[in-house]
């Protein structure tokens, strides 16, 4: 993301890119989206625990989980990049690039 943003021109080595950001439909991207314990399961477990303990418990702190921590760092980095570094991209985004912010845990 930073390399593209700052105007780096990408080239292929042996027909493939060395730097890769997985498309939303890639197996690895889908695996990351679900995690070892998916978010829905964590929500259900937390809601059950809230019913046992007390009503009105605070919302789930996703940064308790590694996935939430990484997502938080990503959002902070992306904000920093857009606010601090001048956009000089020379490589267009893929035609099928999708904004998958809805999949972030934070």
PDB file of N, CA and C in Angstrom:
ATOM      1  N   UNK A   1       0.831  -1.177   0.000  1.00  0.00           N
ATOM      2  CA  UNK A   1       0.000   0.000   0.000  1.00  0.00           C
ATOM      3  C   UNK A   1       0.880   1.246   0.000  1.00  0.00           C
ATOM      4  N   UNK A   2       1.879   1.261   0.852  1.00  0.00           N
ATOM      5  CA  UNK A   2       2.758   2.429   0.927  1.00  0.00           C
ATOM      6  C   UNK A   2       3.577   2.573  -0.349  1.00  0.00           C
ATOM      7  N   UNK A   3       4.049   1.466  -0.885  1.00  0.00           N
ATOM      8  CA  UNK A   3       4.850   1.535  -2.102  1.00  0.00           C
ATOM      9  C   UNK A   3       4.021   2.097  -3.255  1.00  0.00           C
ATOM     10  N   UNK A   4       2.796   1.642  -3.410  1.00  0.00           N
ATOM     11  CA  UNK A   4       1.926   2.148  -4.467  1.00  0.00           C
ATOM     12  C   UNK A   4       1.637   3.623  -4.255  1.00  0.00           C
ATOM     13  N   UNK A   5       1.310   3.975  -3.022  1.00  0.00           N
ATOM     14  CA  UNK A   5       0.948   5.351  -2.658  1.00  0.00           C
ATOM     15  C   UNK A   5       2.074   6.340  -2.981  1.00  0.00           C
ATOM     16  N   UNK A   6       3.319   5.908  -2.789  1.00  0.00           N
ATOM     17  CA  UNK A   6       4.462   6.806  -2.995  1.00  0.00           C
ATOM     18  C   UNK A   6       5.009   6.776  -4.422  1.00  0.00           C
ATOM     19  N   UNK A   7       4.326   6.060  -5.331  1.00  0.00           N
ATOM     20  CA  UNK A   7       4.700   6.116  -6.740  1.00  0.00           C
ATOM     21  C   UNK A   7       5.623   5.018  -7.220  1.00  0.00           C
ATOM     22  N   UNK A   8       5.835   3.996  -6.414  1.00  0.00           N
ATOM     23  CA  UNK A   8       6.679   2.882  -6.837  1.00  0.00           C
ATOM     24  C   UNK A   8       6.074   2.222  -8.068  1.00  0.00           C
ATOM     25  N   UNK A   9       6.903   1.910  -9.049  1.00  0.00           N
ATOM     26  CA  UNK A   9       6.444   1.210 -10.242  1.00  0.00           C
ATOM     27  C   UNK A   9       6.745  -0.267 -10.041  1.00  0.00           C
ATOM     28  N   UNK A  10       5.722  -1.080 -10.112  1.00  0.00           N
ATOM     29  CA  UNK A  10       5.865  -2.512  -9.871  1.00  0.00           C
ATOM     30  C   UNK A  10       6.276  -3.235 -11.141  1.00  0.00           C
ATOM     31  N   UNK A  11       7.069  -4.272 -10.974  1.00  0.00           N
ATOM     32  CA  UNK A  11       7.496  -5.116 -12.080  1.00  0.00           C
ATOM     33  C   UNK A  11       7.300  -6.563 -11.680  1.00  0.00           C
ATOM     34  N   UNK A  12       7.244  -7.411 -12.676  1.00  0.00           N
ATOM     35  CA  UNK A  12       7.114  -8.837 -12.400  1.00  0.00           C
ATOM     36  C   UNK A  12       8.469  -9.517 -12.502  1.00  0.00           C
ATOM     37  N   UNK A  13       8.650 -10.506 -11.661  1.00  0.00           N
ATOM     38  CA  UNK A  13       9.869 -11.296 -11.657  1.00  0.00           C
ATOM     39  C   UNK A  13       9.450 -12.742 -11.948  1.00  0.00           C
ATOM     40  N   UNK A  14       9.821 -13.243 -13.091  1.00  0.00           N
ATOM     41  CA  UNK A  14       9.414 -14.604 -13.448  1.00  0.00           C
ATOM     42  C   UNK A  14       7.910 -14.735 -13.626  1.00  0.00           C
ATOM     43  N   UNK A  15       7.244 -13.657 -14.025  1.00  0.00           N
ATOM     44  CA  UNK A  15       5.801 -13.712 -14.283  1.00  0.00           C
ATOM     45  C   UNK A  15       4.926 -13.518 -13.062  1.00  0.00           C
ATOM     46  N   UNK A  16       5.529 -13.237 -11.905  1.00  0.00           N
ATOM     47  CA  UNK A  16       4.731 -13.023 -10.689  1.00  0.00           C
ATOM     48  C   UNK A  16       5.247 -11.796  -9.947  1.00  0.00           C
ATOM     49  N   UNK A  17       4.394 -11.236  -9.117  1.00  0.00           N
ATOM     50  CA  UNK A  17       4.804 -10.126  -8.272  1.00  0.00           C
ATOM     51  C   UNK A  17       5.369 -10.674  -6.969  1.00  0.00           C
ATOM     52  N   UNK A  18       6.423 -10.058  -6.461  1.00  0.00           N
ATOM     53  CA  UNK A  18       7.022 -10.477  -5.194  1.00  0.00           C
ATOM     54  C   UNK A  18       6.188  -9.933  -4.029  1.00  0.00           C
ATOM     55  N   UNK A  19       5.639  -8.734  -4.198  1.00  0.00           N
ATOM     56  CA  UNK A  19       4.787  -8.116  -3.187  1.00  0.00           C
ATOM     57  C   UNK A  19       3.350  -8.390  -3.587  1.00  0.00           C
ATOM     58  N   UNK A  20       2.551  -8.876  -2.662  1.00  0.00           N
ATOM     59  CA  UNK A  20       1.179  -9.236  -3.022  1.00  0.00           C
ATOM     60  C   UNK A  20       0.204  -8.823  -1.930  1.00  0.00           C
ATOM     61  N   UNK A  21      -0.896  -8.251  -2.349  1.00  0.00           N
ATOM     62  CA  UNK A  21      -2.010  -7.958  -1.438  1.00  0.00           C
ATOM     63  C   UNK A  21      -3.155  -8.829  -1.928  1.00  0.00           C
ATOM     64  N   UNK A  22      -3.591  -9.804  -1.136  1.00  0.00           N
ATOM     65  CA  UNK A  22      -4.581 -10.764  -1.627  1.00  0.00           C
ATOM     66  C   UNK A  22      -5.916 -10.124  -2.004  1.00  0.00           C
ATOM     67  N   UNK A  23      -6.456 -10.544  -3.133  1.00  0.00           N
ATOM     68  CA  UNK A  23      -7.789 -10.117  -3.547  1.00  0.00           C
ATOM     69  C   UNK A  23      -8.819 -10.670  -2.567  1.00  0.00           C
ATOM     70  N   UNK A  24      -9.982 -10.057  -2.525  1.00  0.00           N
ATOM     71  CA  UNK A  24     -11.019 -10.455  -1.562  1.00  0.00           C
ATOM     72  C   UNK A  24     -11.467 -11.897  -1.758  1.00  0.00           C
ATOM     73  N   UNK A  25     -11.292 -12.462  -2.945  1.00  0.00           N
ATOM     74  CA  UNK A  25     -11.747 -13.822  -3.210  1.00  0.00           C
ATOM     75  C   UNK A  25     -10.635 -14.866  -3.021  1.00  0.00           C
ATOM     76  N   UNK A  26      -9.417 -14.440  -2.684  1.00  0.00           N
ATOM     77  CA  UNK A  26      -8.302 -15.375  -2.504  1.00  0.00           C
ATOM     78  C   UNK A  26      -8.521 -16.242  -1.267  1.00  0.00           C
ATOM     79  N   UNK A  27      -8.086 -17.488  -1.336  1.00  0.00           N
ATOM     80  CA  UNK A  27      -8.233 -18.404  -0.206  1.00  0.00           C
ATOM     81  C   UNK A  27      -7.579 -17.848   1.057  1.00  0.00           C
ATOM     82  N   UNK A  28      -6.381 -17.267   0.906  1.00  0.00           N
ATOM     83  CA  UNK A  28      -5.680 -16.735   2.076  1.00  0.00           C
ATOM     84  C   UNK A  28      -6.424 -15.549   2.671  1.00  0.00           C
ATOM     85  N   UNK A  29      -7.030 -14.726   1.819  1.00  0.00           N
ATOM     86  CA  UNK A  29      -7.787 -13.559   2.311  1.00  0.00           C
ATOM     87  C   UNK A  29      -9.035 -14.026   3.048  1.00  0.00           C
ATOM     88  N   UNK A  30      -9.692 -15.044   2.503  1.00  0.00           N
ATOM     89  CA  UNK A  30     -10.889 -15.582   3.166  1.00  0.00           C
ATOM     90  C   UNK A  30     -10.516 -16.208   4.506  1.00  0.00           C
ATOM     91  N   UNK A  31      -9.391 -16.914   4.548  1.00  0.00           N
ATOM     92  CA  UNK A  31      -8.952 -17.532   5.809  1.00  0.00           C
ATOM     93  C   UNK A  31      -8.676 -16.453   6.848  1.00  0.00           C
ATOM     94  N   UNK A  32      -8.044 -15.350   6.442  1.00  0.00           N
ATOM     95  CA  UNK A  32      -7.772 -14.255   7.370  1.00  0.00           C
ATOM     96  C   UNK A  32      -9.082 -13.647   7.845  1.00  0.00           C
ATOM     97  N   UNK A  33     -10.040 -13.533   6.943  1.00  0.00           N
ATOM     98  CA  UNK A  33     -11.331 -12.947   7.288  1.00  0.00           C
ATOM     99  C   UNK A  33     -12.071 -13.738   8.348  1.00  0.00           C
ATOM    100  N   UNK A  34     -11.864 -15.033   8.358  1.00  0.00           N
ATOM    101  CA  UNK A  34     -12.551 -15.862   9.350  1.00  0.00           C
ATOM    102  C   UNK A  34     -11.716 -16.082  10.601  1.00  0.00           C
ATOM    103  N   UNK A  35     -10.423 -16.153  10.439  1.00  0.00           N
ATOM    104  CA  UNK A  35      -9.559 -16.394  11.587  1.00  0.00           C
ATOM    105  C   UNK A  35      -9.743 -17.808  12.116  1.00  0.00           C
ATOM    106  N   UNK A  36      -8.924 -18.186  13.084  1.00  0.00           N
ATOM    107  CA  UNK A  36      -9.048 -19.522  13.654  1.00  0.00           C
ATOM    108  C   UNK A  36     -10.362 -19.666  14.395  1.00  0.00           C
ATOM    109  N   UNK A  37     -10.790 -18.612  15.044  1.00  0.00           N
ATOM    110  CA  UNK A  37     -12.102 -18.574  15.682  1.00  0.00           C
ATOM    111  C   UNK A  37     -12.792 -17.393  15.042  1.00  0.00           C
ATOM    112  N   UNK A  38     -13.883 -17.646  14.355  1.00  0.00           N
ATOM    113  CA  UNK A  38     -14.459 -16.529  13.628  1.00  0.00           C
ATOM    114  C   UNK A  38     -15.167 -15.547  14.547  1.00  0.00           C
ATOM    115  N   UNK A  39     -15.346 -14.367  14.043  1.00  0.00           N
ATOM    116  CA  UNK A  39     -15.888 -13.254  14.820  1.00  0.00           C
ATOM    117  C   UNK A  39     -17.299 -13.550  15.346  1.00  0.00           C
ATOM    118  N   UNK A  40     -18.115 -14.199  14.523  1.00  0.00           N
ATOM    119  CA  UNK A  40     -19.482 -14.522  14.943  1.00  0.00           C
ATOM    120  C   UNK A  40     -19.461 -15.423  16.186  1.00  0.00           C
ATOM    121  N   UNK A  41     -18.576 -16.402  16.188  1.00  0.00           N
ATOM    122  CA  UNK A  41     -18.445 -17.299  17.338  1.00  0.00           C
ATOM    123  C   UNK A  41     -18.029 -16.507  18.585  1.00  0.00           C
ATOM    124  N   UNK A  42     -17.083 -15.578  18.411  1.00  0.00           N
ATOM    125  CA  UNK A  42     -16.626 -14.768  19.541  1.00  0.00           C
ATOM    126  C   UNK A  42     -17.751 -13.885  20.070  1.00  0.00           C
ATOM    127  N   UNK A  43     -18.551 -13.316  19.176  1.00  0.00           N
ATOM    128  CA  UNK A  43     -19.685 -12.487  19.599  1.00  0.00           C
ATOM    129  C   UNK A  43     -20.669 -13.338  20.398  1.00  0.00           C
ATOM    130  N   UNK A  44     -21.008 -14.501  19.879  1.00  0.00           N
ATOM    131  CA  UNK A  44     -21.958 -15.373  20.573  1.00  0.00           C
ATOM    132  C   UNK A  44     -21.448 -15.770  21.953  1.00  0.00           C
ATOM    133  N   UNK A  45     -20.171 -16.138  22.057  1.00  0.00           N
ATOM    134  CA  UNK A  45     -19.590 -16.509  23.349  1.00  0.00           C
ATOM    135  C   UNK A  45     -19.616 -15.334  24.317  1.00  0.00           C
ATOM    136  N   UNK A  46     -19.285 -14.133  23.820  1.00  0.00           N
ATOM    137  CA  UNK A  46     -19.257 -12.949  24.665  1.00  0.00           C
ATOM    138  C   UNK A  46     -20.663 -12.591  25.130  1.00  0.00           C
ATOM    139  N   UNK A  47     -21.648 -12.674  24.239  1.00  0.00           N
ATOM    140  CA  UNK A  47     -23.020 -12.345  24.610  1.00  0.00           C
ATOM    141  C   UNK A  47     -23.545 -13.326  25.658  1.00  0.00           C
ATOM    142  N   UNK A  48     -23.198 -14.601  25.516  1.00  0.00           N
ATOM    143  CA  UNK A  48     -23.608 -15.589  26.514  1.00  0.00           C
ATOM    144  C   UNK A  48     -22.981 -15.272  27.861  1.00  0.00           C
ATOM    145  N   UNK A  49     -21.713 -14.896  27.851  1.00  0.00           N
ATOM    146  CA  UNK A  49     -21.025 -14.542  29.093  1.00  0.00           C
ATOM    147  C   UNK A  49     -21.662 -13.313  29.725  1.00  0.00           C
ATOM    148  N   UNK A  50     -22.056 -12.323  28.899  1.00  0.00           N
ATOM    149  CA  UNK A  50     -22.687 -11.117  29.416  1.00  0.00           C
ATOM    150  C   UNK A  50     -24.007 -11.449  30.104  1.00  0.00           C
ATOM    151  N   UNK A  51     -24.751 -12.396  29.541  1.00  0.00           N
ATOM    152  CA  UNK A  51     -26.022 -12.779  30.153  1.00  0.00           C
ATOM    153  C   UNK A  51     -25.795 -13.420  31.516  1.00  0.00           C
ATOM    154  N   UNK A  52     -24.711 -14.178  31.630  1.00  0.00           N
ATOM    155  CA  UNK A  52     -24.400 -14.842  32.896  1.00  0.00           C
ATOM    156  C   UNK A  52     -23.943 -13.821  33.933  1.00  0.00           C
ATOM    157  N   UNK A  53     -23.104 -12.866  33.536  1.00  0.00           N
ATOM    158  CA  UNK A  53     -22.525 -11.924  34.495  1.00  0.00           C
ATOM    159  C   UNK A  53     -23.471 -10.779  34.819  1.00  0.00           C
ATOM    160  N   UNK A  54     -23.700  -9.881  33.881  1.00  0.00           N
ATOM    161  CA  UNK A  54     -24.586  -8.753  34.158  1.00  0.00           C
ATOM    162  C   UNK A  54     -25.076  -8.134  32.865  1.00  0.00           C
ATOM    163  N   UNK A  55     -26.197  -7.458  32.962  1.00  0.00           N
ATOM    164  CA  UNK A  55     -26.727  -6.764  31.783  1.00  0.00           C
ATOM    165  C   UNK A  55     -25.964  -5.460  31.608  1.00  0.00           C
ATOM    166  N   UNK A  56     -25.917  -4.979  30.377  1.00  0.00           N
ATOM    167  CA  UNK A  56     -25.272  -3.702  30.106  1.00  0.00           C
ATOM    168  C   UNK A  56     -23.758  -3.756  30.126  1.00  0.00           C
ATOM    169  N   UNK A  57     -23.181  -4.927  29.900  1.00  0.00           N
ATOM    170  CA  UNK A  57     -21.720  -5.037  29.854  1.00  0.00           C
ATOM    171  C   UNK A  57     -21.190  -4.234  28.674  1.00  0.00           C
ATOM    172  N   UNK A  58     -19.950  -3.759  28.764  1.00  0.00           N
ATOM    173  CA  UNK A  58     -19.386  -2.990  27.649  1.00  0.00           C
ATOM    174  C   UNK A  58     -19.289  -3.840  26.387  1.00  0.00           C
ATOM    175  N   UNK A  59     -19.235  -3.195  25.219  1.00  0.00           N
ATOM    176  CA  UNK A  59     -19.106  -3.952  23.971  1.00  0.00           C
ATOM    177  C   UNK A  59     -17.789  -4.731  23.939  1.00  0.00           C
ATOM    178  N   UNK A  60     -17.723  -5.688  23.040  1.00  0.00           N
ATOM    179  CA  UNK A  60     -16.530  -6.521  22.922  1.00  0.00           C
ATOM    180  C   UNK A  60     -15.334  -5.666  22.510  1.00  0.00           C
ATOM    181  N   UNK A  61     -14.206  -5.856  23.171  1.00  0.00           N
ATOM    182  CA  UNK A  61     -12.958  -5.173  22.816  1.00  0.00           C
ATOM    183  C   UNK A  61     -12.202  -6.094  21.861  1.00  0.00           C
ATOM    184  N   UNK A  62     -12.340  -5.840  20.563  1.00  0.00           N
ATOM    185  CA  UNK A  62     -11.730  -6.717  19.566  1.00  0.00           C
ATOM    186  C   UNK A  62     -10.215  -6.691  19.634  1.00  0.00           C
ATOM    187  N   UNK A  63      -9.624  -5.679  20.258  1.00  0.00           N
ATOM    188  CA  UNK A  63      -8.162  -5.629  20.357  1.00  0.00           C
ATOM    189  C   UNK A  63      -7.618  -6.633  21.375  1.00  0.00           C
ATOM    190  N   UNK A  64      -8.507  -7.363  22.034  1.00  0.00           N
ATOM    191  CA  UNK A  64      -8.064  -8.462  22.901  1.00  0.00           C
ATOM    192  C   UNK A  64      -7.559  -9.627  22.049  1.00  0.00           C
ATOM    193  N   UNK A  65      -7.934  -9.639  20.787  1.00  0.00           N
ATOM    194  CA  UNK A  65      -7.588 -10.723  19.879  1.00  0.00           C
ATOM    195  C   UNK A  65      -6.538 -10.240  18.889  1.00  0.00           C
ATOM    196  N   UNK A  66      -5.633 -11.133  18.503  1.00  0.00           N
ATOM    197  CA  UNK A  66      -4.557 -10.790  17.568  1.00  0.00           C
ATOM    198  C   UNK A  66      -5.129 -10.178  16.289  1.00  0.00           C
ATOM    199  N   UNK A  67      -6.188 -10.767  15.763  1.00  0.00           N
ATOM    200  CA  UNK A  67      -6.799 -10.260  14.532  1.00  0.00           C
ATOM    201  C   UNK A  67      -7.254  -8.812  14.723  1.00  0.00           C
ATOM    202  N   UNK A  68      -7.880  -8.490  15.828  1.00  0.00           N
ATOM    203  CA  UNK A  68      -8.320  -7.129  16.102  1.00  0.00           C
ATOM    204  C   UNK A  68      -7.150  -6.173  16.237  1.00  0.00           C
ATOM    205  N   UNK A  69      -6.058  -6.638  16.840  1.00  0.00           N
ATOM    206  CA  UNK A  69      -4.861  -5.807  16.995  1.00  0.00           C
ATOM    207  C   UNK A  69      -4.260  -5.467  15.636  1.00  0.00           C
ATOM    208  N   UNK A  70      -4.181  -6.464  14.758  1.00  0.00           N
ATOM    209  CA  UNK A  70      -3.611  -6.245  13.425  1.00  0.00           C
ATOM    210  C   UNK A  70      -4.516  -5.315  12.612  1.00  0.00           C
ATOM    211  N   UNK A  71      -5.829  -5.519  12.692  1.00  0.00           N
ATOM    212  CA  UNK A  71      -6.757  -4.640  11.977  1.00  0.00           C
ATOM    213  C   UNK A  71      -6.635  -3.201  12.464  1.00  0.00           C
ATOM    214  N   UNK A  72      -6.467  -3.011  13.756  1.00  0.00           N
ATOM    215  CA  UNK A  72      -6.332  -1.664  14.324  1.00  0.00           C
ATOM    216  C   UNK A  72      -5.057  -0.989  13.801  1.00  0.00           C
ATOM    217  N   UNK A  73      -3.957  -1.733  13.775  1.00  0.00           N
ATOM    218  CA  UNK A  73      -2.694  -1.200  13.256  1.00  0.00           C
ATOM    219  C   UNK A  73      -2.859  -0.823  11.784  1.00  0.00           C
ATOM    220  N   UNK A  74      -3.544  -1.668  11.018  1.00  0.00           N
ATOM    221  CA  UNK A  74      -3.768  -1.391   9.601  1.00  0.00           C
ATOM    222  C   UNK A  74      -4.537  -0.087   9.412  1.00  0.00           C
ATOM    223  N   UNK A  75      -5.615   0.094  10.154  1.00  0.00           N
ATOM    224  CA  UNK A  75      -6.431   1.307  10.022  1.00  0.00           C
ATOM    225  C   UNK A  75      -5.619   2.543  10.416  1.00  0.00           C
ATOM    226  N   UNK A  76      -4.858   2.441  11.495  1.00  0.00           N
ATOM    227  CA  UNK A  76      -4.024   3.570  11.928  1.00  0.00           C
ATOM    228  C   UNK A  76      -2.958   3.898  10.888  1.00  0.00           C
ATOM    229  N   UNK A  77      -2.328   2.872  10.321  1.00  0.00           N
ATOM    230  CA  UNK A  77      -1.297   3.087   9.313  1.00  0.00           C
ATOM    231  C   UNK A  77      -1.895   3.728   8.066  1.00  0.00           C
ATOM    232  N   UNK A  78      -3.024   3.214   7.611  1.00  0.00           N
ATOM    233  CA  UNK A  78      -3.664   3.756   6.414  1.00  0.00           C
ATOM    234  C   UNK A  78      -4.036   5.223   6.614  1.00  0.00           C
ATOM    235  N   UNK A  79      -4.557   5.561   7.785  1.00  0.00           N
ATOM    236  CA  UNK A  79      -4.894   6.959   8.087  1.00  0.00           C
ATOM    237  C   UNK A  79      -3.641   7.825   8.068  1.00  0.00           C
ATOM    238  N   UNK A  80      -2.579   7.332   8.712  1.00  0.00           N
ATOM    239  CA  UNK A  80      -1.311   8.075   8.731  1.00  0.00           C
ATOM    240  C   UNK A  80      -0.812   8.304   7.304  1.00  0.00           C
ATOM    241  N   UNK A  81      -0.840   7.263   6.490  1.00  0.00           N
ATOM    242  CA  UNK A  81      -0.348   7.345   5.123  1.00  0.00           C
ATOM    243  C   UNK A  81      -1.109   8.403   4.329  1.00  0.00           C
ATOM    244  N   UNK A  82      -2.431   8.385   4.412  1.00  0.00           N
ATOM    245  CA  UNK A  82      -3.247   9.338   3.652  1.00  0.00           C
ATOM    246  C   UNK A  82      -3.068  10.772   4.143  1.00  0.00           C
ATOM    247  N   UNK A  83      -2.883  10.940   5.446  1.00  0.00           N
ATOM    248  CA  UNK A  83      -2.766  12.283   6.023  1.00  0.00           C
ATOM    249  C   UNK A  83      -1.358  12.867   5.905  1.00  0.00           C
ATOM    250  N   UNK A  84      -0.337  12.006   5.847  1.00  0.00           N
ATOM    251  CA  UNK A  84       1.038  12.461   5.953  1.00  0.00           C
ATOM    252  C   UNK A  84       1.832  12.405   4.645  1.00  0.00           C
ATOM    253  N   UNK A  85       1.565  11.408   3.833  1.00  0.00           N
ATOM    254  CA  UNK A  85       2.375  11.176   2.637  1.00  0.00           C
ATOM    255  C   UNK A  85       1.574  11.547   1.390  1.00  0.00           C
ATOM    256  N   UNK A  86       2.173  12.378   0.556  1.00  0.00           N
ATOM    257  CA  UNK A  86       1.510  12.824  -0.673  1.00  0.00           C
ATOM    258  C   UNK A  86       1.228  11.634  -1.591  1.00  0.00           C
ATOM    259  N   UNK A  87       0.014  11.560  -2.122  1.00  0.00           N
ATOM    260  CA  UNK A  87      -0.392  10.497  -3.059  1.00  0.00           C
ATOM    261  C   UNK A  87       0.326  10.704  -4.385  1.00  0.00           C
ATOM    262  N   UNK A  88       1.121   9.710  -4.797  1.00  0.00           N
ATOM    263  CA  UNK A  88       1.856   9.780  -6.059  1.00  0.00           C
ATOM    264  C   UNK A  88       1.728   8.479  -6.843  1.00  0.00           C
ATOM    265  N   UNK A  89       0.659   7.746  -6.624  1.00  0.00           N
ATOM    266  CA  UNK A  89       0.492   6.429  -7.248  1.00  0.00           C
ATOM    267  C   UNK A  89       0.591   6.506  -8.760  1.00  0.00           C
ATOM    268  N   UNK A  90       1.366   5.591  -9.324  1.00  0.00           N
ATOM    269  CA  UNK A  90       1.506   5.488 -10.781  1.00  0.00           C
ATOM    270  C   UNK A  90       0.986   4.148 -11.284  1.00  0.00           C
ATOM    271  N   UNK A  91       0.643   3.267 -10.361  1.00  0.00           N
ATOM    272  CA  UNK A  91       0.101   1.958 -10.713  1.00  0.00           C
ATOM    273  C   UNK A  91      -1.387   1.974 -10.383  1.00  0.00           C
ATOM    274  N   UNK A  92      -2.244   1.716 -11.363  1.00  0.00           N
ATOM    275  CA  UNK A  92      -3.682   1.737 -11.087  1.00  0.00           C
ATOM    276  C   UNK A  92      -4.095   0.554 -10.213  1.00  0.00           C
ATOM    277  N   UNK A  93      -5.175   0.725  -9.508  1.00  0.00           N
ATOM    278  CA  UNK A  93      -5.733  -0.381  -8.731  1.00  0.00           C
ATOM    279  C   UNK A  93      -6.297  -1.416  -9.713  1.00  0.00           C
ATOM    280  N   UNK A  94      -6.387  -2.659  -9.292  1.00  0.00           N
ATOM    281  CA  UNK A  94      -6.993  -3.700 -10.115  1.00  0.00           C
ATOM    282  C   UNK A  94      -8.440  -3.328 -10.407  1.00  0.00           C
ATOM    283  N   UNK A  95      -8.926  -3.748 -11.566  1.00  0.00           N
ATOM    284  CA  UNK A  95     -10.320  -3.479 -11.929  1.00  0.00           C
ATOM    285  C   UNK A  95     -11.289  -4.037 -10.897  1.00  0.00           C
ATOM    286  N   UNK A  96     -10.948  -5.184 -10.353  1.00  0.00           N
ATOM    287  CA  UNK A  96     -11.860  -5.850  -9.424  1.00  0.00           C
ATOM    288  C   UNK A  96     -11.518  -5.584  -7.959  1.00  0.00           C
ATOM    289  N   UNK A  97     -10.758  -4.520  -7.701  1.00  0.00           N
ATOM    290  CA  UNK A  97     -10.419  -4.173  -6.316  1.00  0.00           C
ATOM    291  C   UNK A  97     -11.709  -3.833  -5.557  1.00  0.00           C
ATOM    292  N   UNK A  98     -11.804  -4.342  -4.346  1.00  0.00           N
ATOM    293  CA  UNK A  98     -12.998  -4.161  -3.533  1.00  0.00           C
ATOM    294  C   UNK A  98     -12.613  -3.552  -2.190  1.00  0.00           C
ATOM    295  N   UNK A  99     -13.394  -2.609  -1.721  1.00  0.00           N
ATOM    296  CA  UNK A  99     -13.186  -2.063  -0.384  1.00  0.00           C
ATOM    297  C   UNK A  99     -13.758  -3.070   0.609  1.00  0.00           C
ATOM    298  N   UNK A 100     -12.893  -3.705   1.381  1.00  0.00           N
ATOM    299  CA  UNK A 100     -13.375  -4.722   2.318  1.00  0.00           C
ATOM    300  C   UNK A 100     -13.272  -4.259   3.772  1.00  0.00           C
ATOM    301  N   UNK A 101     -13.407  -2.958   3.987  1.00  0.00           N
ATOM    302  CA  UNK A 101     -13.374  -2.429   5.354  1.00  0.00           C
ATOM    303  C   UNK A 101     -14.458  -3.043   6.243  1.00  0.00           C
ATOM    304  N   UNK A 102     -15.541  -3.479   5.653  1.00  0.00           N
ATOM    305  CA  UNK A 102     -16.616  -4.097   6.439  1.00  0.00           C
ATOM    306  C   UNK A 102     -16.148  -5.390   7.109  1.00  0.00           C
ATOM    307  N   UNK A 103     -15.045  -5.958   6.620  1.00  0.00           N
ATOM    308  CA  UNK A 103     -14.521  -7.194   7.199  1.00  0.00           C
ATOM    309  C   UNK A 103     -13.549  -6.949   8.345  1.00  0.00           C
ATOM    310  N   UNK A 104     -13.206  -5.684   8.599  1.00  0.00           N
ATOM    311  CA  UNK A 104     -12.306  -5.389   9.708  1.00  0.00           C
ATOM    312  C   UNK A 104     -12.995  -5.694  11.037  1.00  0.00           C
ATOM    313  N   UNK A 105     -12.239  -6.123  12.010  1.00  0.00           N
ATOM    314  CA  UNK A 105     -12.802  -6.479  13.312  1.00  0.00           C
ATOM    315  C   UNK A 105     -12.964  -5.282  14.229  1.00  0.00           C
ATOM    316  N   UNK A 106     -12.442  -4.149  13.846  1.00  0.00           N
ATOM    317  CA  UNK A 106     -12.556  -2.987  14.718  1.00  0.00           C
ATOM    318  C   UNK A 106     -13.464  -1.931  14.114  1.00  0.00           C
TER     319      UNK A 106
END
